[in-house]
Amino acid sequence: MADTAVTLSLQSRFRDAMAGVCSPVAVVTSRDGDRPHGTTVSAFMSLSMEPPMIAVALDHGSDLLAAVRAHGRFGVNVLAAPQHDLAGAFARKGAAKFDGVSWSDSHGVPKLADVAGWVACEATEFVVGGDHTVLFGTVVEADVGVDRPLTYFARTFGTHLPHEVPLPQGAVG
């Protein structure tokens, strides 16, 4: 019984600690046969420049994960700051997520309109990590939007605001 209490306490502290990390918000998309499919994620990152790759974490039980495994391709739509309603819509379960949403097919995956950034990927590797699968994708196309990205911090949506004084060149990275 004590191990369960420690685990639950650690999980709670970990969840709170991660709420203090600012994350970009994206909708990962793929196809389930002829039907577009997508889900909201905040666990994704650029992985490599040579070749261009990204990594996305999806719950093992995710319908989208099954669609990506079957289709072999996926898109990452980095939501723009005004698109917080889309983040909520795609976070829910159900087949009607694309109803009323402006999107197009690009490189075999759904691309949402007016996003801050977008990449289309070939799924190259699936790695189990706890209760999620980390999906590695090789980028086959990319597009840049004009709006600031939607972010998630302290369990609320927002966006990035630059400092008034720029950092010295080479200070980060």
N, C-alpha and C. Protein backbone atom coordinates (compact mmCIF):
# COMPACT_ATOMS: atom_id res chain seq x y z
N MET A 1 0.82 -1.20 0.00
CA MET A 1 0.00 0.00 0.00
C MET A 1 0.86 1.26 0.00
N ALA A 2 1.96 1.24 0.73
CA ALA A 2 2.84 2.42 0.80
C ALA A 2 3.43 2.74 -0.56
N ASP A 3 3.79 1.70 -1.36
CA ASP A 3 4.34 1.94 -2.68
C ASP A 3 3.35 2.69 -3.56
N THR A 4 2.07 2.34 -3.47
CA THR A 4 1.04 3.02 -4.25
C THR A 4 0.94 4.48 -3.84
N ALA A 5 0.97 4.77 -2.54
CA ALA A 5 0.90 6.15 -2.05
C ALA A 5 2.10 6.96 -2.53
N VAL A 6 3.29 6.36 -2.47
CA VAL A 6 4.49 7.05 -2.94
C VAL A 6 4.39 7.31 -4.43
N THR A 7 3.94 6.32 -5.18
CA THR A 7 3.81 6.46 -6.63
C THR A 7 2.82 7.56 -6.97
N LEU A 8 1.65 7.56 -6.32
CA LEU A 8 0.65 8.60 -6.59
C LEU A 8 1.16 9.97 -6.20
N SER A 9 1.88 10.07 -5.09
CA SER A 9 2.45 11.34 -4.67
C SER A 9 3.49 11.82 -5.68
N LEU A 10 4.36 10.93 -6.12
CA LEU A 10 5.37 11.28 -7.12
C LEU A 10 4.71 11.69 -8.43
N GLN A 11 3.69 10.94 -8.86
CA GLN A 11 2.99 11.30 -10.10
C GLN A 11 2.38 12.69 -9.99
N SER A 12 1.81 13.01 -8.85
CA SER A 12 1.20 14.33 -8.64
C SER A 12 2.26 15.43 -8.69
N ARG A 13 3.38 15.22 -8.02
CA ARG A 13 4.46 16.21 -8.03
C ARG A 13 5.05 16.35 -9.44
N PHE A 14 5.20 15.23 -10.13
CA PHE A 14 5.72 15.26 -11.50
C PHE A 14 4.77 16.04 -12.41
N ARG A 15 3.46 15.78 -12.31
CA ARG A 15 2.48 16.49 -13.12
C ARG A 15 2.56 17.99 -12.85
N ASP A 16 2.67 18.37 -11.57
CA ASP A 16 2.79 19.78 -11.21
C ASP A 16 4.09 20.39 -11.74
N ALA A 17 5.19 19.65 -11.66
CA ALA A 17 6.46 20.14 -12.17
C ALA A 17 6.39 20.36 -13.69
N MET A 18 5.76 19.44 -14.40
CA MET A 18 5.65 19.56 -15.86
C MET A 18 4.70 20.69 -16.27
N ALA A 19 3.76 21.04 -15.38
CA ALA A 19 2.88 22.18 -15.66
C ALA A 19 3.68 23.48 -15.70
N GLY A 20 4.86 23.48 -15.10
CA GLY A 20 5.73 24.65 -15.11
C GLY A 20 6.63 24.73 -16.33
N VAL A 21 6.46 23.81 -17.28
CA VAL A 21 7.25 23.81 -18.50
C VAL A 21 6.35 24.30 -19.64
N CYS A 22 6.77 25.34 -20.31
CA CYS A 22 6.01 25.86 -21.45
C CYS A 22 6.18 24.92 -22.64
N SER A 23 5.05 24.48 -23.20
CA SER A 23 5.08 23.53 -24.31
C SER A 23 4.33 24.08 -25.51
N PRO A 24 4.82 23.82 -26.72
CA PRO A 24 4.04 24.18 -27.90
C PRO A 24 2.85 23.23 -28.01
N VAL A 25 1.79 23.68 -28.63
CA VAL A 25 0.59 22.87 -28.81
C VAL A 25 0.43 22.57 -30.29
N ALA A 26 0.24 21.29 -30.60
CA ALA A 26 0.09 20.88 -32.00
C ALA A 26 -1.03 19.88 -32.14
N VAL A 27 -1.54 19.77 -33.35
CA VAL A 27 -2.47 18.70 -33.70
C VAL A 27 -1.72 17.78 -34.66
N VAL A 28 -1.53 16.55 -34.24
CA VAL A 28 -0.90 15.54 -35.09
C VAL A 28 -2.02 14.89 -35.89
N THR A 29 -1.80 14.76 -37.20
CA THR A 29 -2.84 14.23 -38.08
C THR A 29 -2.32 13.07 -38.91
N SER A 30 -3.24 12.24 -39.34
CA SER A 30 -2.94 11.15 -40.26
C SER A 30 -4.24 10.77 -40.95
N ARG A 31 -4.22 9.65 -41.61
CA ARG A 31 -5.43 9.15 -42.27
C ARG A 31 -5.75 7.78 -41.71
N ASP A 32 -7.03 7.56 -41.56
CA ASP A 32 -7.57 6.25 -41.17
C ASP A 32 -8.41 5.82 -42.35
N GLY A 33 -7.75 5.21 -43.35
CA GLY A 33 -8.41 4.95 -44.63
C GLY A 33 -8.61 6.27 -45.34
N ASP A 34 -9.86 6.58 -45.70
CA ASP A 34 -10.16 7.86 -46.35
C ASP A 34 -10.47 8.97 -45.36
N ARG A 35 -10.60 8.63 -44.09
CA ARG A 35 -11.01 9.58 -43.07
C ARG A 35 -9.80 10.26 -42.44
N PRO A 36 -9.84 11.62 -42.32
CA PRO A 36 -8.76 12.30 -41.60
C PRO A 36 -8.89 12.02 -40.10
N HIS A 37 -7.77 11.95 -39.45
CA HIS A 37 -7.78 11.71 -38.00
C HIS A 37 -6.73 12.62 -37.38
N GLY A 38 -6.99 13.09 -36.15
CA GLY A 38 -6.02 13.96 -35.49
C GLY A 38 -6.24 14.00 -33.99
N THR A 39 -5.19 14.42 -33.28
CA THR A 39 -5.27 14.59 -31.84
C THR A 39 -4.31 15.69 -31.40
N THR A 40 -4.67 16.37 -30.31
CA THR A 40 -3.84 17.43 -29.75
C THR A 40 -2.70 16.82 -28.93
N VAL A 41 -1.50 17.37 -29.10
CA VAL A 41 -0.34 16.95 -28.32
C VAL A 41 0.45 18.17 -27.87
N SER A 42 1.18 18.01 -26.78
CA SER A 42 2.16 19.02 -26.40
C SER A 42 3.53 18.38 -26.26
N ALA A 43 3.60 17.06 -26.44
CA ALA A 43 4.87 16.34 -26.33
C ALA A 43 5.41 16.02 -27.72
N PHE A 44 6.05 17.03 -28.31
CA PHE A 44 6.74 16.82 -29.59
C PHE A 44 7.93 17.76 -29.65
N MET A 45 8.89 17.42 -30.51
CA MET A 45 10.09 18.25 -30.61
C MET A 45 10.81 17.97 -31.92
N SER A 46 11.66 18.92 -32.31
CA SER A 46 12.56 18.63 -33.42
C SER A 46 13.61 17.68 -32.87
N LEU A 47 14.06 16.76 -33.70
CA LEU A 47 14.98 15.73 -33.24
C LEU A 47 16.33 15.82 -33.95
N SER A 48 16.30 16.10 -35.26
CA SER A 48 17.53 16.05 -36.04
C SER A 48 17.40 16.99 -37.24
N MET A 49 18.53 17.57 -37.63
CA MET A 49 18.56 18.39 -38.86
C MET A 49 19.07 17.58 -40.05
N GLU A 50 19.85 16.54 -39.80
CA GLU A 50 20.40 15.72 -40.90
C GLU A 50 20.22 14.26 -40.58
N PRO A 51 19.17 13.63 -41.06
CA PRO A 51 18.09 14.22 -41.84
C PRO A 51 17.11 14.96 -40.93
N PRO A 52 16.27 15.82 -41.51
CA PRO A 52 15.27 16.51 -40.68
C PRO A 52 14.30 15.48 -40.07
N MET A 53 14.21 15.47 -38.74
CA MET A 53 13.34 14.53 -38.04
C MET A 53 12.68 15.21 -36.85
N ILE A 54 11.52 14.66 -36.46
CA ILE A 54 10.85 15.10 -35.25
C ILE A 54 10.47 13.87 -34.43
N ALA A 55 10.08 14.12 -33.18
CA ALA A 55 9.59 13.06 -32.29
C ALA A 55 8.28 13.54 -31.68
N VAL A 56 7.32 12.62 -31.58
CA VAL A 56 5.99 12.91 -31.01
C VAL A 56 5.65 11.76 -30.07
N ALA A 57 5.11 12.08 -28.89
CA ALA A 57 4.68 11.05 -27.95
C ALA A 57 3.17 10.90 -28.01
N LEU A 58 2.71 9.66 -28.21
CA LEU A 58 1.27 9.35 -28.26
C LEU A 58 0.97 8.22 -27.28
N ASP A 59 -0.15 8.33 -26.59
CA ASP A 59 -0.61 7.29 -25.68
C ASP A 59 -0.74 5.97 -26.44
N HIS A 60 -0.37 4.86 -25.77
CA HIS A 60 -0.45 3.54 -26.42
C HIS A 60 -1.84 3.25 -26.97
N GLY A 61 -2.89 3.73 -26.29
CA GLY A 61 -4.26 3.45 -26.70
C GLY A 61 -4.82 4.45 -27.70
N SER A 62 -4.00 5.36 -28.18
CA SER A 62 -4.45 6.41 -29.09
C SER A 62 -4.92 5.84 -30.43
N ASP A 63 -6.11 6.27 -30.85
CA ASP A 63 -6.60 5.90 -32.18
C ASP A 63 -5.67 6.45 -33.26
N LEU A 64 -5.10 7.63 -33.01
CA LEU A 64 -4.18 8.21 -33.98
C LEU A 64 -2.93 7.36 -34.15
N LEU A 65 -2.40 6.82 -33.06
CA LEU A 65 -1.22 5.95 -33.16
C LEU A 65 -1.51 4.77 -34.07
N ALA A 66 -2.67 4.16 -33.92
CA ALA A 66 -3.05 3.05 -34.79
C ALA A 66 -3.14 3.51 -36.25
N ALA A 67 -3.69 4.71 -36.48
CA ALA A 67 -3.80 5.24 -37.85
C ALA A 67 -2.42 5.48 -38.45
N VAL A 68 -1.51 6.04 -37.67
CA VAL A 68 -0.15 6.30 -38.18
C VAL A 68 0.56 4.98 -38.50
N ARG A 69 0.41 4.00 -37.64
CA ARG A 69 1.02 2.69 -37.92
C ARG A 69 0.51 2.12 -39.24
N ALA A 70 -0.78 2.27 -39.50
CA ALA A 70 -1.37 1.73 -40.73
C ALA A 70 -1.02 2.56 -41.96
N HIS A 71 -1.04 3.88 -41.82
CA HIS A 71 -0.83 4.79 -42.96
C HIS A 71 0.65 5.03 -43.26
N GLY A 72 1.49 5.06 -42.21
CA GLY A 72 2.92 5.27 -42.39
C GLY A 72 3.35 6.72 -42.49
N ARG A 73 2.40 7.65 -42.47
CA ARG A 73 2.70 9.08 -42.55
C ARG A 73 1.90 9.82 -41.49
N PHE A 74 2.41 10.98 -41.09
CA PHE A 74 1.67 11.84 -40.18
C PHE A 74 2.10 13.29 -40.39
N GLY A 75 1.25 14.20 -39.97
CA GLY A 75 1.55 15.63 -40.03
C GLY A 75 1.54 16.21 -38.63
N VAL A 76 2.33 17.25 -38.41
CA VAL A 76 2.32 17.98 -37.16
C VAL A 76 1.94 19.42 -37.49
N ASN A 77 0.77 19.83 -37.01
CA ASN A 77 0.25 21.17 -37.22
C ASN A 77 0.47 21.97 -35.94
N VAL A 78 1.48 22.83 -35.92
CA VAL A 78 1.76 23.66 -34.75
C VAL A 78 0.69 24.76 -34.73
N LEU A 79 -0.18 24.72 -33.74
CA LEU A 79 -1.29 25.66 -33.71
C LEU A 79 -0.82 27.08 -33.48
N ALA A 80 -1.55 28.02 -34.09
CA ALA A 80 -1.29 29.44 -33.90
C ALA A 80 -2.01 29.91 -32.64
N ALA A 81 -1.54 31.01 -32.06
CA ALA A 81 -2.08 31.52 -30.80
C ALA A 81 -3.61 31.61 -30.78
N PRO A 82 -4.28 32.06 -31.86
CA PRO A 82 -5.74 32.16 -31.79
C PRO A 82 -6.47 30.81 -31.91
N GLN A 83 -5.77 29.71 -32.08
CA GLN A 83 -6.41 28.42 -32.34
C GLN A 83 -6.62 27.56 -31.11
N HIS A 84 -6.77 28.16 -29.94
CA HIS A 84 -6.97 27.39 -28.72
C HIS A 84 -8.24 26.55 -28.76
N ASP A 85 -9.27 27.00 -29.50
CA ASP A 85 -10.50 26.19 -29.62
C ASP A 85 -10.21 24.88 -30.36
N LEU A 86 -9.33 24.93 -31.38
CA LEU A 86 -8.95 23.71 -32.09
C LEU A 86 -8.22 22.75 -31.17
N ALA A 87 -7.37 23.29 -30.30
CA ALA A 87 -6.64 22.43 -29.36
C ALA A 87 -7.62 21.64 -28.51
N GLY A 88 -8.66 22.30 -28.01
CA GLY A 88 -9.67 21.62 -27.21
C GLY A 88 -10.48 20.63 -28.01
N ALA A 89 -10.86 21.00 -29.22
CA ALA A 89 -11.67 20.11 -30.07
C ALA A 89 -10.92 18.83 -30.41
N PHE A 90 -9.64 18.95 -30.74
CA PHE A 90 -8.88 17.77 -31.13
C PHE A 90 -8.39 16.96 -29.93
N ALA A 91 -8.54 17.50 -28.72
CA ALA A 91 -8.16 16.76 -27.52
C ALA A 91 -9.24 15.76 -27.11
N ARG A 92 -10.45 15.94 -27.62
CA ARG A 92 -11.56 15.04 -27.29
C ARG A 92 -11.54 13.80 -28.16
N LYS A 93 -12.20 12.75 -27.68
CA LYS A 93 -12.39 11.53 -28.46
C LYS A 93 -13.52 11.75 -29.46
N GLY A 94 -13.51 10.97 -30.53
CA GLY A 94 -14.62 11.01 -31.47
C GLY A 94 -14.17 11.19 -32.90
N ALA A 95 -15.07 10.85 -33.82
CA ALA A 95 -14.77 10.87 -35.25
C ALA A 95 -15.10 12.21 -35.90
N ALA A 96 -15.72 13.14 -35.18
CA ALA A 96 -16.19 14.39 -35.79
C ALA A 96 -15.23 15.56 -35.58
N LYS A 97 -13.99 15.30 -35.25
CA LYS A 97 -13.05 16.38 -34.94
C LYS A 97 -12.83 17.33 -36.11
N PHE A 98 -12.93 16.84 -37.33
CA PHE A 98 -12.67 17.68 -38.50
C PHE A 98 -13.92 18.42 -38.98
N ASP A 99 -15.08 18.15 -38.38
CA ASP A 99 -16.31 18.83 -38.78
C ASP A 99 -16.17 20.33 -38.58
N GLY A 100 -16.36 21.10 -39.65
CA GLY A 100 -16.28 22.55 -39.58
C GLY A 100 -14.87 23.11 -39.51
N VAL A 101 -13.87 22.26 -39.65
CA VAL A 101 -12.46 22.70 -39.57
C VAL A 101 -11.91 22.81 -41.00
N SER A 102 -11.26 23.92 -41.29
CA SER A 102 -10.67 24.13 -42.60
C SER A 102 -9.33 23.38 -42.68
N TRP A 103 -9.22 22.47 -43.65
CA TRP A 103 -8.00 21.70 -43.82
C TRP A 103 -7.87 21.27 -45.27
N SER A 104 -6.68 20.83 -45.63
CA SER A 104 -6.42 20.30 -46.97
C SER A 104 -5.53 19.08 -46.84
N ASP A 105 -5.48 18.30 -47.90
CA ASP A 105 -4.57 17.15 -47.93
C ASP A 105 -3.26 17.62 -48.53
N SER A 106 -2.17 17.41 -47.84
CA SER A 106 -0.86 17.78 -48.35
C SER A 106 0.12 16.66 -48.02
N HIS A 107 0.75 16.13 -49.04
CA HIS A 107 1.71 15.04 -48.87
C HIS A 107 1.10 13.84 -48.16
N GLY A 108 -0.20 13.63 -48.40
CA GLY A 108 -0.88 12.45 -47.87
C GLY A 108 -1.38 12.56 -46.45
N VAL A 109 -1.27 13.76 -45.85
CA VAL A 109 -1.76 13.94 -44.48
C VAL A 109 -2.58 15.23 -44.38
N PRO A 110 -3.52 15.30 -43.43
CA PRO A 110 -4.30 16.51 -43.25
C PRO A 110 -3.44 17.67 -42.72
N LYS A 111 -3.58 18.82 -43.38
CA LYS A 111 -2.90 20.05 -42.98
C LYS A 111 -3.97 21.06 -42.61
N LEU A 112 -3.97 21.49 -41.36
CA LEU A 112 -4.96 22.46 -40.89
C LEU A 112 -4.62 23.85 -41.41
N ALA A 113 -5.65 24.66 -41.66
CA ALA A 113 -5.45 26.02 -42.17
C ALA A 113 -4.96 26.94 -41.06
N ASP A 114 -4.17 27.92 -41.45
CA ASP A 114 -3.75 29.04 -40.58
C ASP A 114 -2.92 28.64 -39.37
N VAL A 115 -2.18 27.54 -39.47
CA VAL A 115 -1.33 27.12 -38.36
C VAL A 115 -0.02 27.92 -38.34
N ALA A 116 0.67 27.89 -37.21
CA ALA A 116 1.94 28.61 -37.07
C ALA A 116 3.08 27.89 -37.79
N GLY A 117 2.95 26.58 -37.96
CA GLY A 117 3.96 25.78 -38.65
C GLY A 117 3.40 24.40 -38.92
N TRP A 118 3.99 23.73 -39.88
CA TRP A 118 3.48 22.41 -40.27
C TRP A 118 4.61 21.58 -40.88
N VAL A 119 4.63 20.30 -40.54
CA VAL A 119 5.53 19.35 -41.19
C VAL A 119 4.77 18.07 -41.52
N ALA A 120 5.14 17.47 -42.64
CA ALA A 120 4.64 16.15 -43.02
C ALA A 120 5.80 15.18 -42.86
N CYS A 121 5.52 13.99 -42.32
CA CYS A 121 6.58 13.05 -42.00
C CYS A 121 6.25 11.63 -42.43
N GLU A 122 7.30 10.89 -42.74
CA GLU A 122 7.23 9.43 -42.86
C GLU A 122 7.55 8.88 -41.48
N ALA A 123 6.70 7.99 -40.98
CA ALA A 123 6.97 7.36 -39.69
C ALA A 123 8.14 6.40 -39.85
N THR A 124 9.19 6.59 -39.05
CA THR A 124 10.39 5.77 -39.22
C THR A 124 10.65 4.82 -38.06
N GLU A 125 10.16 5.17 -36.86
CA GLU A 125 10.42 4.30 -35.72
C GLU A 125 9.39 4.55 -34.63
N PHE A 126 9.03 3.51 -33.90
CA PHE A 126 8.10 3.58 -32.79
C PHE A 126 8.82 3.02 -31.56
N VAL A 127 9.00 3.84 -30.53
CA VAL A 127 9.75 3.44 -29.34
C VAL A 127 8.85 3.55 -28.12
N VAL A 128 8.73 2.45 -27.38
CA VAL A 128 7.89 2.43 -26.18
C VAL A 128 8.60 3.18 -25.05
N GLY A 129 7.85 4.08 -24.39
CA GLY A 129 8.35 4.81 -23.24
C GLY A 129 7.23 4.94 -22.22
N GLY A 130 7.21 4.07 -21.22
CA GLY A 130 6.14 4.10 -20.21
C GLY A 130 4.78 3.83 -20.83
N ASP A 131 3.82 4.73 -20.59
CA ASP A 131 2.48 4.53 -21.13
C ASP A 131 2.28 5.20 -22.49
N HIS A 132 3.38 5.67 -23.10
CA HIS A 132 3.32 6.29 -24.42
C HIS A 132 4.28 5.60 -25.40
N THR A 133 4.05 5.87 -26.66
CA THR A 133 4.96 5.47 -27.72
C THR A 133 5.53 6.73 -28.33
N VAL A 134 6.84 6.80 -28.44
CA VAL A 134 7.49 7.94 -29.08
C VAL A 134 7.65 7.58 -30.55
N LEU A 135 7.08 8.41 -31.37
CA LEU A 135 7.07 8.21 -32.81
C LEU A 135 8.13 9.11 -33.43
N PHE A 136 9.08 8.52 -34.13
CA PHE A 136 10.08 9.30 -34.86
C PHE A 136 9.60 9.44 -36.30
N GLY A 137 9.73 10.64 -36.84
CA GLY A 137 9.30 10.88 -38.21
C GLY A 137 10.35 11.63 -38.99
N THR A 138 10.60 11.18 -40.21
CA THR A 138 11.48 11.90 -41.12
C THR A 138 10.65 12.90 -41.90
N VAL A 139 11.03 14.17 -41.84
CA VAL A 139 10.27 15.25 -42.45
C VAL A 139 10.41 15.18 -43.97
N VAL A 140 9.26 15.20 -44.66
CA VAL A 140 9.26 15.20 -46.13
C VAL A 140 8.81 16.54 -46.69
N GLU A 141 8.18 17.38 -45.85
CA GLU A 141 7.76 18.72 -46.27
C GLU A 141 7.54 19.56 -45.03
N ALA A 142 7.74 20.87 -45.15
CA ALA A 142 7.55 21.79 -44.03
C ALA A 142 7.01 23.11 -44.56
N ASP A 143 6.25 23.80 -43.72
CA ASP A 143 5.68 25.08 -44.08
C ASP A 143 5.66 25.97 -42.83
N VAL A 144 5.88 27.25 -43.01
CA VAL A 144 5.91 28.20 -41.90
C VAL A 144 4.71 29.13 -42.00
N GLY A 145 4.01 29.31 -40.88
CA GLY A 145 2.89 30.25 -40.84
C GLY A 145 3.37 31.63 -40.45
N VAL A 146 2.42 32.55 -40.22
CA VAL A 146 2.80 33.92 -39.91
C VAL A 146 2.45 34.33 -38.48
N ASP A 147 1.69 33.50 -37.77
CA ASP A 147 1.25 33.85 -36.42
C ASP A 147 2.15 33.21 -35.37
N ARG A 148 2.11 33.74 -34.16
CA ARG A 148 2.84 33.14 -33.03
C ARG A 148 2.22 31.80 -32.69
N PRO A 149 3.01 30.89 -32.13
CA PRO A 149 2.48 29.57 -31.78
C PRO A 149 1.65 29.62 -30.50
N LEU A 150 0.69 28.71 -30.42
CA LEU A 150 -0.06 28.50 -29.19
C LEU A 150 0.82 27.70 -28.24
N THR A 151 0.86 28.10 -26.98
CA THR A 151 1.64 27.37 -25.97
C THR A 151 0.73 26.96 -24.82
N TYR A 152 1.23 26.02 -24.02
CA TYR A 152 0.52 25.53 -22.85
C TYR A 152 1.46 25.64 -21.67
N PHE A 153 1.04 26.39 -20.65
CA PHE A 153 1.86 26.61 -19.46
C PHE A 153 0.94 26.77 -18.27
N ALA A 154 1.26 26.12 -17.16
CA ALA A 154 0.48 26.20 -15.92
C ALA A 154 -0.99 25.88 -16.18
N ARG A 155 -1.20 24.89 -17.06
CA ARG A 155 -2.54 24.38 -17.40
C ARG A 155 -3.43 25.41 -18.09
N THR A 156 -2.80 26.38 -18.77
CA THR A 156 -3.55 27.37 -19.54
C THR A 156 -2.86 27.59 -20.89
N PHE A 157 -3.65 28.04 -21.87
CA PHE A 157 -3.11 28.37 -23.18
C PHE A 157 -2.62 29.81 -23.20
N GLY A 158 -1.62 30.06 -24.01
CA GLY A 158 -1.07 31.40 -24.17
C GLY A 158 -0.22 31.44 -25.42
N THR A 159 0.77 32.33 -25.44
CA THR A 159 1.71 32.40 -26.56
C THR A 159 3.01 33.02 -26.07
N HIS A 160 4.00 32.95 -26.90
CA HIS A 160 5.32 33.48 -26.59
C HIS A 160 5.35 34.98 -26.80
N LEU A 161 5.94 35.69 -25.88
CA LEU A 161 6.19 37.11 -26.04
C LEU A 161 7.69 37.34 -25.88
N PRO A 162 8.32 37.97 -26.86
CA PRO A 162 9.77 38.17 -26.78
C PRO A 162 10.14 39.18 -25.70
N HIS A 163 11.37 39.06 -25.19
CA HIS A 163 11.91 40.05 -24.27
C HIS A 163 12.08 41.36 -25.03
N GLU A 164 12.00 42.47 -24.30
CA GLU A 164 12.17 43.77 -24.95
C GLU A 164 13.60 43.97 -25.44
N VAL A 165 14.55 43.39 -24.71
CA VAL A 165 15.96 43.50 -25.10
C VAL A 165 16.38 42.14 -25.64
N PRO A 166 16.82 42.06 -26.90
CA PRO A 166 17.22 40.77 -27.46
C PRO A 166 18.42 40.18 -26.74
N LEU A 167 18.48 38.85 -26.69
CA LEU A 167 19.63 38.16 -26.11
C LEU A 167 20.85 38.37 -27.00
N PRO A 168 22.03 38.36 -26.42
CA PRO A 168 23.24 38.47 -27.26
C PRO A 168 23.33 37.29 -28.22
N GLN A 169 23.84 37.53 -29.39
CA GLN A 169 23.96 36.49 -30.41
C GLN A 169 24.79 35.33 -29.85
N GLY A 170 24.27 34.11 -30.04
CA GLY A 170 24.96 32.92 -29.56
C GLY A 170 24.72 32.60 -28.10
N ALA A 171 23.82 33.33 -27.42
CA ALA A 171 23.61 33.11 -25.99
C ALA A 171 22.84 31.84 -25.69
N VAL A 172 22.03 31.35 -26.61
CA VAL A 172 21.23 30.15 -26.41
C VAL A 172 21.57 29.14 -27.48
N GLY A 173 21.69 27.88 -27.09
CA GLY A 173 21.83 26.84 -28.09
C GLY A 173 23.17 26.34 -28.18
